Protein backbone atom coordinates (compact mmCIF):
# COMPACT_ATOMS: atom_id res chain seq x y z
CA UNK A 1 52.20 -6.51 1.88
CA UNK A 2 55.70 -5.41 0.88
CA UNK A 3 55.51 -2.51 3.31
CA UNK A 4 54.63 -4.87 6.19
CA UNK A 5 57.47 -7.21 5.25
CA UNK A 6 60.00 -4.39 5.12
CA UNK A 7 58.80 -2.90 8.39
CA UNK A 8 59.15 -6.25 10.12
CA UNK A 9 62.65 -6.68 8.72
CA UNK A 10 63.65 -3.15 9.76
CA UNK A 11 62.51 -3.70 13.33
CA UNK A 12 64.36 -6.99 13.54
CA UNK A 13 67.48 -5.34 12.16
CA UNK A 14 67.18 -2.52 14.69
CA UNK A 15 67.19 -5.02 17.54
CA UNK A 16 70.28 -6.87 16.27
CA UNK A 17 72.38 -4.03 14.86
CA UNK A 18 76.01 -3.89 15.94
CA UNK A 19 76.59 -0.42 14.52
CA UNK A 20 78.00 1.47 17.51
CA UNK A 21 77.71 5.10 16.45
CA UNK A 22 74.93 7.50 17.40
CA UNK A 23 73.06 6.69 14.17
CA UNK A 24 69.37 6.21 15.05
CA UNK A 25 67.62 3.22 13.55
CA UNK A 26 64.26 3.72 15.20
CA UNK A 27 62.74 4.57 11.82
CA UNK A 28 62.59 2.01 8.97
CA UNK A 29 65.79 2.50 6.95
CA UNK A 30 66.81 0.51 3.87
CA UNK A 31 69.71 0.40 1.45
CA UNK A 32 68.67 -0.16 -2.17
CA UNK A 33 71.31 -2.15 -4.05
CA UNK A 34 71.20 -3.33 -7.66
CA UNK A 35 72.48 -6.49 -9.33
CA UNK A 36 73.81 -4.18 -12.04
CA UNK A 37 73.43 -0.68 -13.33
CA UNK A 38 70.19 0.12 -15.14
CA UNK A 39 68.09 -2.57 -13.45
CA UNK A 40 65.59 -0.12 -11.93
CA UNK A 41 66.82 0.89 -8.46
CA UNK A 42 65.40 4.38 -8.86
CA UNK A 43 62.05 3.08 -10.14
CA UNK A 44 61.77 0.78 -7.12
CA UNK A 45 62.70 3.64 -4.79
CA UNK A 46 60.10 5.91 -6.41
CA UNK A 47 57.40 3.23 -6.26
CA UNK A 48 58.09 2.46 -2.63
CA UNK A 49 58.13 6.17 -1.70
CA UNK A 50 54.83 6.79 -3.50
CA UNK A 51 53.23 3.76 -1.84
CA UNK A 52 54.28 4.94 1.61
CA UNK A 53 53.12 8.52 1.05
CA UNK A 54 49.78 7.33 -0.37
CA UNK A 55 48.76 5.94 3.03
CA UNK A 56 45.67 7.62 4.50
CA UNK A 57 47.11 7.27 8.00
CA UNK A 58 49.26 9.95 9.59
CA UNK A 59 52.15 7.47 9.68
CA UNK A 60 54.38 7.24 7.76
CA UNK A 61 54.48 11.02 7.60
CA UNK A 62 57.71 11.41 5.62
CA UNK A 63 60.10 9.66 3.24
CA UNK A 64 63.77 10.61 3.09
CA UNK A 65 65.52 9.53 -0.13
CA UNK A 66 69.32 9.72 -0.12
CA UNK A 67 71.61 9.22 -3.12
CA UNK A 68 75.14 9.24 -1.70
CA UNK A 69 76.93 9.07 -5.07
CA UNK A 70 75.60 10.46 -8.35
CA UNK A 71 77.43 10.75 -11.66
CA UNK A 72 76.20 12.28 -14.92
CA UNK A 73 74.83 15.16 -12.84
CA UNK A 74 72.74 17.26 -13.29
CA UNK A 75 71.43 15.73 -16.54
CA UNK A 76 71.06 12.44 -14.69
CA UNK A 77 69.71 12.91 -11.17
CA UNK A 78 67.98 10.05 -9.38
CA UNK A 79 66.92 12.39 -6.59
CA UNK A 80 65.48 14.66 -9.26
CA UNK A 81 63.50 11.75 -10.71
CA UNK A 82 61.84 11.08 -7.36
CA UNK A 83 61.25 14.77 -6.76
CA UNK A 84 59.45 15.12 -10.11
CA UNK A 85 57.65 11.79 -10.37
CA UNK A 86 56.59 10.71 -6.88
CA UNK A 87 54.02 13.52 -6.38
CA UNK A 88 52.29 12.37 -9.58
CA UNK A 89 52.36 8.73 -8.46
CA UNK A 90 50.91 9.33 -5.00
CA UNK A 91 47.28 10.02 -6.03
CA UNK A 92 45.65 9.26 -2.65
CA UNK A 93 41.91 8.64 -2.37
CA UNK A 94 41.79 10.88 0.70
CA UNK A 95 42.61 14.53 1.24
CA UNK A 96 46.34 15.10 1.58
CA UNK A 97 49.01 17.77 1.42
CA UNK A 98 52.50 16.85 0.22
CA UNK A 99 55.63 18.99 0.47
CA UNK A 100 58.54 17.76 -1.68
CA UNK A 101 62.08 19.09 -1.55
CA UNK A 102 65.37 18.37 -3.31
CA UNK A 103 68.92 19.34 -2.41
CA UNK A 104 72.47 18.63 -3.59
CA UNK A 105 75.04 18.86 -0.81
CA UNK A 106 78.49 18.45 -2.42
CA UNK A 107 78.66 18.82 -6.21
CA UNK A 108 82.04 18.63 -7.95
CA UNK A 109 83.50 21.95 -9.20
CA UNK A 110 82.83 20.80 -12.77
CA UNK A 111 79.08 20.58 -12.09
CA UNK A 112 77.07 23.59 -13.21
CA UNK A 113 74.48 24.24 -10.51
CA UNK A 114 72.28 27.25 -9.69
CA UNK A 115 73.24 29.48 -6.76
CA UNK A 116 70.71 27.66 -4.61
CA UNK A 117 70.65 23.88 -5.04
CA UNK A 118 67.55 23.45 -2.89
CA UNK A 119 64.05 23.42 -4.37
CA UNK A 120 60.67 22.87 -2.77
CA UNK A 121 57.17 22.32 -4.11
CA UNK A 122 53.78 21.75 -2.48
CA UNK A 123 50.94 19.54 -3.74
CA UNK A 124 47.35 19.25 -2.53
CA UNK A 125 45.11 16.27 -3.22
CA UNK A 126 41.33 16.43 -2.94
CA UNK A 127 39.48 13.66 -1.18
CA UNK A 128 37.54 12.63 1.87
CA UNK A 129 38.37 13.49 5.45
CA UNK A 130 40.83 15.85 7.03
CA UNK A 131 43.94 16.40 4.94
CA UNK A 132 46.98 14.47 6.18
CA UNK A 133 50.40 16.10 5.89
CA UNK A 134 53.15 14.21 4.08
CA UNK A 135 56.74 15.11 3.27
CA UNK A 136 59.24 13.88 0.67
CA UNK A 137 62.89 14.94 0.99
CA UNK A 138 65.33 13.98 -1.80
CA UNK A 139 69.05 14.60 -1.28
CA UNK A 140 72.15 13.94 -3.35
CA UNK A 141 75.28 13.87 -1.23
CA UNK A 142 78.12 13.88 -3.79
CA UNK A 143 77.72 14.56 -7.51
CA UNK A 144 80.02 14.52 -10.54
CA UNK A 145 79.33 15.70 -14.09
CA UNK A 146 80.63 12.78 -16.17
CA UNK A 147 78.39 9.72 -16.47
CA UNK A 148 80.98 7.13 -15.48
CA UNK A 149 81.76 5.08 -12.38
CA UNK A 150 82.23 7.28 -9.26
CA UNK A 151 85.90 6.33 -8.87
CA UNK A 152 86.64 7.41 -12.43
CA UNK A 153 84.55 10.59 -12.21
CA UNK A 154 86.29 11.55 -8.96
CA UNK A 155 89.71 11.08 -10.57
CA UNK A 156 88.89 12.95 -13.78
CA UNK A 157 87.09 15.86 -12.12
CA UNK A 158 89.49 16.38 -9.27
CA UNK A 159 87.08 15.70 -6.42
CA UNK A 160 88.12 12.57 -4.63
CA UNK A 161 86.17 11.69 -1.50
CA UNK A 162 87.46 9.44 1.25
CA UNK A 163 85.28 6.61 2.52
CA UNK A 164 85.13 8.14 5.98
CA UNK A 165 83.69 11.36 4.55
CA UNK A 166 80.99 9.52 2.60
CA UNK A 167 79.98 7.54 5.67
CA UNK A 168 80.09 10.58 7.94
CA UNK A 169 77.85 12.68 5.68
CA UNK A 170 75.45 9.80 5.14
CA UNK A 171 75.21 9.20 8.90
CA UNK A 172 74.54 12.91 9.47
CA UNK A 173 71.74 12.93 6.87
CA UNK A 174 70.15 9.81 8.35
CA UNK A 175 70.28 11.34 11.83
CA UNK A 176 68.81 14.65 10.68
CA UNK A 177 66.08 12.74 8.87
CA UNK A 178 64.60 11.71 12.22
CA UNK A 179 63.16 15.21 12.54
CA UNK A 180 61.38 15.25 9.17
CA UNK A 181 58.15 13.82 10.52
CA UNK A 182 58.04 16.38 13.33
CA UNK A 183 56.68 13.71 15.62
CA UNK A 184 53.58 13.14 13.49
CA UNK A 185 54.55 9.65 12.27
CA UNK A 186 57.31 7.35 11.09
CA UNK A 187 60.01 8.60 8.74
CA UNK A 188 61.02 5.96 6.18
CA UNK A 189 64.54 6.33 4.75
CA UNK A 190 65.87 4.93 1.49
CA UNK A 191 69.57 4.96 0.60
CA UNK A 192 70.05 4.19 -3.10
CA UNK A 193 73.51 3.07 -4.12
CA UNK A 194 75.13 3.65 -7.53
CA UNK A 195 75.56 0.93 -10.15
CA UNK A 196 75.83 -2.65 -8.97
CA UNK A 197 76.52 -4.21 -5.59
CA UNK A 198 80.27 -4.38 -6.21
CA UNK A 199 80.59 -1.13 -8.19
CA UNK A 200 83.42 1.04 -6.80
CA UNK A 201 82.83 4.21 -4.84
CA UNK A 202 84.89 7.41 -5.34
CA UNK A 203 87.93 5.98 -3.49
CA UNK A 204 87.76 2.63 -5.29
CA UNK A 205 86.21 0.79 -2.35
CA UNK A 206 83.38 -1.48 -3.43
CA UNK A 207 80.05 -0.01 -2.39
CA UNK A 208 79.03 -3.23 -0.65
CA UNK A 209 82.06 -2.60 1.60
CA UNK A 210 81.65 1.17 1.74
CA UNK A 211 78.20 0.96 3.36
CA UNK A 212 78.83 -2.23 5.31
CA UNK A 213 79.43 -0.28 8.52
CA UNK A 214 75.77 0.74 8.68
CA UNK A 215 74.43 -2.83 8.45
CA UNK A 216 71.21 -1.52 6.94
CA UNK A 217 68.54 -4.00 5.86
CA UNK A 218 68.68 -4.21 2.10
CA UNK A 219 66.37 -4.28 -0.90
CA UNK A 220 68.12 -5.95 -3.83
CA UNK A 221 66.87 -4.96 -7.28
CA UNK A 222 67.60 -7.96 -9.44
CA UNK A 223 68.04 -8.27 -13.19
CA UNK A 224 65.14 -9.61 -15.25
CA UNK A 225 67.13 -9.64 -18.48
CA UNK A 226 68.98 -12.51 -20.18
CA UNK A 227 71.86 -13.46 -17.89
CA UNK A 228 70.14 -11.73 -15.00
CA UNK A 229 69.69 -14.87 -12.90
CA UNK A 230 73.44 -15.29 -12.51
CA UNK A 231 73.97 -11.58 -11.87
CA UNK A 232 71.19 -11.44 -9.29
CA UNK A 233 72.42 -14.51 -7.39
CA UNK A 234 76.00 -13.21 -7.45
CA UNK A 235 74.84 -9.89 -6.03
CA UNK A 236 72.73 -11.65 -3.41
CA UNK A 237 75.60 -13.87 -2.27
CA UNK A 238 77.98 -10.90 -2.21
CA UNK A 239 75.67 -9.06 0.18
CA UNK A 240 75.12 -12.11 2.40
CA UNK A 241 78.85 -12.75 2.71
CA UNK A 242 79.27 -9.21 4.05
CA UNK A 243 76.56 -9.59 6.65
CA UNK A 244 73.71 -7.75 4.95
CA UNK A 245 70.12 -8.79 5.63
CA UNK A 246 68.37 -8.90 2.24
CA UNK A 247 64.73 -8.10 3.02
CA UNK A 248 63.41 -8.38 -0.54
CA UNK A 249 64.51 -9.07 -4.11
CA UNK A 250 62.59 -7.10 -6.74
CA UNK A 251 63.08 -7.27 -10.48
CA UNK A 252 61.45 -6.19 -13.73
CA UNK A 253 59.55 -8.87 -15.61
CA UNK A 254 61.25 -9.11 -18.99
CA UNK A 255 59.29 -12.19 -20.07
CA UNK A 256 62.08 -14.65 -19.20
CA UNK A 257 60.59 -15.92 -15.91
CA UNK A 258 63.73 -15.01 -13.99
CA UNK A 259 61.54 -14.30 -10.99
CA UNK A 260 60.14 -17.84 -10.92
CA UNK A 261 63.57 -19.45 -10.90
CA UNK A 262 64.91 -17.02 -8.30
CA UNK A 263 61.91 -17.55 -6.05
CA UNK A 264 62.31 -21.32 -6.24
CA UNK A 265 66.06 -21.14 -5.64
CA UNK A 266 65.99 -18.60 -2.80
CA UNK A 267 62.86 -19.84 -0.99
CA UNK A 268 64.80 -22.14 1.36
CA UNK A 269 67.91 -19.97 1.56
């Protein structure tokens, strides 16, 4: 059901997009924002990726996960989490073959990385019918070692990145992602932001402004904790004021019924 909702939103967004670059939006593409840090953006991304790749149909054939800004790297790697966990979550009932890859494009000089940052692994799943081919590509664009806000990590580690460079590299990755499916089916793309909606990027620009140029349909991961209703609504309004289309709000059930209040409040908005 969620997949159908998101696909419908993506197609509607594609028809109304005012983004004038050569960025293709023919494939479902979503930004994953959070009401705060630690609310589960990566868990939602992993669950959605696994659900898409579990499909017995040839389409979607691939999921591209992009993490533009990552701090605390490599000990903390959201792309690494998806690379390790999604293959175990897929568990299709039909025969399937999954190829997963991970890559880090621009780590800070302070980051200790192996000579080759790219890894790849293949997984086969037994089941009925002819095996369908699936692909998961996980990429980190910019990474810093210290686990702090990107603007602070960039300053402390001597690798500042201008907004235009972040957007240019992200656009290039989204464009290249069109070829992942090799014409066999849709390629779904997930762009997971860092921290909260208004957390600063490496230049100090708020991330809700940094990615505004793309006008991507958005999944907002809300906060199910005490005080999370206010934080979730603030994040939601912040996105709406900047022209984002919020396709879904997802949050962890912490036993406080935040979801019930939010559903009642947002139903007619």
